[in-house]
Amino acid sequence: MPGTRRPDVARRIATPEFIRCFIRGERRMRPHNNPRNLTIERTPHLANTYTSLNYHLVFSTKNRFPWIALEIEQRIWSHIGGIARKHKMTAIQVGGVEDHIHALVMAPPTIAPFEIAKFLKGESSLWIHDEFPWLRKFNWQEGYAAFTVSKSNIPDVVRYIKNQREHHLNESFQGEYRRLLRLNGIEYDEQYVWG
């Protein structure tokens, strides 16, 4: 009957081998894995994928302790930029003050925001312990905040990060963090924000 698919064909096509071949872009399954020499039909080639995924990450030192002295902060911000590069990301701007950091990062679609935070926090923490022996007890807070940033807003966020020291003459980190959460429509429970 026209338009009717045999159940055994659907079952054969949805095999793991079929999926592996499809992902590799092969036109046919290999004969030894495909005794009937079944042809794999591919969808037409899609155009390249283009993304502009910019994230503004904010996280503090553990218990907001002022570990990051003015004398070493530029080295830390630069190293965090290097960590981003190592993971195929671009650190557009990194900055902060003694007790927290802001990082504006452009990432490929294969890296989720939680992975960005994991890379930046984990690897910078290890480097800080090695590079500055007096900071062996240094740690970042457990959580983080991440906000998406449109291309048109990047200059504003860059300025905001560059002016952190002046900004925090009038606002604490806690006040800033709450304000950013509200501004981005993120509901939060105060008892879990400062882990």
Protein backbone atom coordinates (compact mmCIF):
# COMPACT_ATOMS: atom_id res chain seq x y z
CA MET A 1 0.00 0.00 0.00
CA PRO A 2 1.55 3.37 -1.01
CA GLY A 3 2.74 5.60 1.85
CA THR A 4 2.78 2.73 4.34
CA ARG A 5 6.11 1.86 5.91
CA ARG A 6 6.84 -1.70 6.93
CA PRO A 7 7.40 -1.93 10.70
CA ASP A 8 10.60 -3.96 10.26
CA VAL A 9 12.15 -1.18 8.10
CA ALA A 10 11.60 1.46 10.78
CA ARG A 11 13.07 -0.86 13.37
CA ARG A 12 16.12 -1.58 11.20
CA ILE A 13 16.77 2.10 10.46
CA ALA A 14 16.67 3.22 14.09
CA THR A 15 19.66 1.06 15.09
CA PRO A 16 22.70 2.49 16.85
CA GLU A 17 24.83 1.60 13.80
CA PHE A 18 22.50 3.61 11.58
CA ILE A 19 22.74 6.60 13.89
CA ARG A 20 26.57 6.39 14.05
CA CYS A 21 26.78 6.22 10.25
CA PHE A 22 24.36 9.12 9.89
CA ILE A 23 26.37 11.29 12.29
CA ARG A 24 29.61 10.45 10.43
CA GLY A 25 27.91 11.50 7.21
CA GLU A 26 28.19 8.15 5.45
CA ARG A 27 25.83 7.44 2.59
CA ARG A 28 25.69 3.70 3.21
CA MET A 29 26.05 1.49 6.20
CA ARG A 30 29.08 -0.74 5.95
CA PRO A 31 28.29 -4.12 4.31
CA HIS A 32 29.44 -6.22 7.29
CA ASN A 33 27.07 -4.30 9.58
CA ASN A 34 24.33 -4.14 6.99
CA PRO A 35 23.71 -7.48 5.28
CA ARG A 36 20.92 -6.01 3.15
CA ASN A 37 23.10 -3.04 2.08
CA LEU A 38 20.44 -0.59 3.24
CA THR A 39 20.92 2.94 1.89
CA ILE A 40 20.96 5.72 4.46
CA GLU A 41 19.01 8.74 3.32
CA ARG A 42 20.46 12.00 4.61
CA THR A 43 18.62 15.24 5.00
CA PRO A 44 19.92 17.96 2.70
CA HIS A 45 23.10 19.60 3.96
CA LEU A 46 22.18 22.50 6.25
CA ALA A 47 24.01 25.79 6.06
CA ASN A 48 26.75 26.43 8.59
CA THR A 49 25.64 27.22 12.12
CA TYR A 50 26.38 30.71 13.39
CA THR A 51 26.14 31.79 17.01
CA SER A 52 26.92 34.80 19.15
CA LEU A 53 26.66 33.47 22.69
CA ASN A 54 27.93 35.98 25.23
CA TYR A 55 27.69 35.31 28.96
CA HIS A 56 28.24 37.66 31.88
CA LEU A 57 29.34 35.48 34.80
CA VAL A 58 29.55 36.75 38.36
CA PHE A 59 30.88 34.86 41.36
CA SER A 60 32.50 35.75 44.65
CA THR A 61 35.30 34.43 46.76
CA LYS A 62 34.26 31.95 49.45
CA ASN A 63 32.26 33.83 52.10
CA ARG A 64 33.09 37.02 50.17
CA PHE A 65 36.49 37.17 51.88
CA PRO A 66 38.68 39.92 50.29
CA TRP A 67 41.41 37.58 48.95
CA ILE A 68 42.13 39.40 45.67
CA ALA A 69 44.55 42.20 46.50
CA LEU A 70 44.98 45.11 44.10
CA GLU A 71 48.62 44.10 43.48
CA ILE A 72 47.67 40.70 42.02
CA GLU A 73 44.24 41.25 40.49
CA GLN A 74 45.47 42.00 36.94
CA ARG A 75 47.46 38.77 36.90
CA ILE A 76 44.36 36.85 38.00
CA TRP A 77 42.13 38.52 35.40
CA SER A 78 44.71 37.80 32.67
CA HIS A 79 45.04 34.18 33.73
CA ILE A 80 41.26 33.74 33.62
CA GLY A 81 41.36 35.11 30.07
CA GLY A 82 43.94 32.42 29.26
CA ILE A 83 41.72 29.72 30.73
CA ALA A 84 38.90 30.88 28.47
CA ARG A 85 41.21 30.71 25.41
CA LYS A 86 42.36 27.23 26.38
CA HIS A 87 38.73 26.09 26.22
CA LYS A 88 37.99 27.76 22.85
CA MET A 89 36.22 30.74 24.42
CA THR A 90 36.95 34.45 24.23
CA ALA A 91 37.20 36.47 27.42
CA ILE A 92 35.90 39.83 26.24
CA GLN A 93 36.43 41.47 29.64
CA VAL A 94 37.42 40.14 33.07
CA GLY A 95 37.52 42.24 36.23
CA GLY A 96 36.26 42.71 39.72
CA VAL A 97 37.43 43.71 43.17
CA GLU A 98 38.78 41.99 46.29
CA ASP A 99 35.81 39.71 46.90
CA HIS A 100 34.31 38.88 43.49
CA ILE A 101 34.75 38.68 39.76
CA HIS A 102 32.85 39.53 36.58
CA ALA A 103 33.72 37.76 33.35
CA LEU A 104 32.16 38.55 29.98
CA VAL A 105 32.83 35.50 27.84
CA MET A 106 31.90 34.53 24.29
CA ALA A 107 31.51 30.75 24.08
CA PRO A 108 30.77 28.22 21.37
CA PRO A 109 27.37 26.49 21.54
CA THR A 110 29.03 23.26 22.68
CA ILE A 111 29.98 24.76 26.06
CA ALA A 112 27.17 25.22 28.56
CA PRO A 113 27.26 28.09 31.09
CA PHE A 114 27.85 25.68 33.99
CA GLU A 115 30.95 24.38 32.18
CA ILE A 116 32.24 27.92 31.65
CA ALA A 117 31.93 28.58 35.38
CA LYS A 118 33.54 25.22 36.19
CA PHE A 119 36.54 25.91 33.95
CA LEU A 120 37.07 29.50 35.10
CA LYS A 121 36.60 28.84 38.79
CA GLY A 122 38.33 25.47 39.06
CA GLU A 123 41.41 26.19 37.00
CA SER A 124 41.94 29.71 38.34
CA SER A 125 41.65 28.45 41.91
CA LEU A 126 44.39 25.84 41.33
CA TRP A 127 46.60 28.44 39.65
CA ILE A 128 46.10 30.94 42.49
CA HIS A 129 47.15 28.29 45.04
CA ASP A 130 50.33 27.55 43.05
CA GLU A 131 51.19 31.12 42.07
CA PHE A 132 50.53 32.84 45.41
CA PRO A 133 51.58 30.58 48.32
CA TRP A 134 49.95 32.89 50.89
CA LEU A 135 46.56 32.21 49.23
CA ARG A 136 46.55 28.43 49.74
CA LYS A 137 43.16 28.68 51.47
CA PHE A 138 41.65 30.68 48.62
CA ASN A 139 38.37 29.39 47.15
CA TRP A 140 35.53 30.70 45.03
CA GLN A 141 31.93 30.49 46.22
CA GLU A 142 30.03 27.33 45.26
CA GLY A 143 27.53 28.94 42.90
CA TYR A 144 27.58 31.67 40.30
CA ALA A 145 25.25 33.90 38.31
CA ALA A 146 25.24 33.88 34.51
CA PHE A 147 23.37 36.24 32.23
CA THR A 148 23.18 36.32 28.46
CA VAL A 149 24.34 39.52 26.79
CA SER A 150 23.29 40.65 23.33
CA LYS A 151 25.95 41.93 20.93
CA SER A 152 24.56 45.47 21.18
CA ASN A 153 24.97 45.48 25.00
CA ILE A 154 28.56 44.23 25.08
CA PRO A 155 30.13 47.74 25.24
CA ASP A 156 27.96 48.61 28.27
CA VAL A 157 28.89 45.39 30.10
CA VAL A 158 32.59 45.92 29.29
CA ARG A 159 32.40 49.43 30.77
CA TYR A 160 30.55 48.09 33.80
CA ILE A 161 33.25 45.48 34.46
CA LYS A 162 36.10 47.95 33.91
CA ASN A 163 34.57 50.34 36.44
CA GLN A 164 34.02 47.83 39.22
CA ARG A 165 36.30 49.54 41.71
CA GLU A 166 34.49 52.88 41.35
CA HIS A 167 31.11 51.15 41.31
CA HIS A 168 31.76 49.42 44.63
CA LEU A 169 32.49 52.64 46.41
CA ASN A 170 28.68 52.97 46.58
CA GLU A 171 27.33 49.41 46.46
CA SER A 172 28.34 46.18 48.19
CA PHE A 173 28.78 42.95 46.27
CA GLN A 174 25.63 41.55 47.90
CA GLY A 175 23.62 44.57 46.78
CA GLU A 176 25.02 44.31 43.26
CA TYR A 177 24.34 40.57 43.06
CA ARG A 178 20.72 40.95 44.18
CA ARG A 179 20.23 43.84 41.74
CA LEU A 180 21.61 41.82 38.82
CA LEU A 181 19.37 38.87 39.69
CA ARG A 182 16.29 41.12 39.83
CA LEU A 183 17.28 42.98 36.65
CA ASN A 184 17.44 39.64 34.81
CA GLY A 185 14.15 38.38 36.24
CA ILE A 186 15.72 35.65 38.35
CA GLU A 187 13.79 34.63 41.44
CA TYR A 188 15.95 33.66 44.39
CA ASP A 189 15.71 32.66 48.03
CA GLU A 190 18.01 34.78 50.20
CA GLN A 191 18.99 31.84 52.40
CA TYR A 192 20.54 30.00 49.42
CA VAL A 193 22.18 32.91 47.60
CA TRP A 194 25.33 33.20 49.72
CA GLY A 195 26.67 29.62 49.74
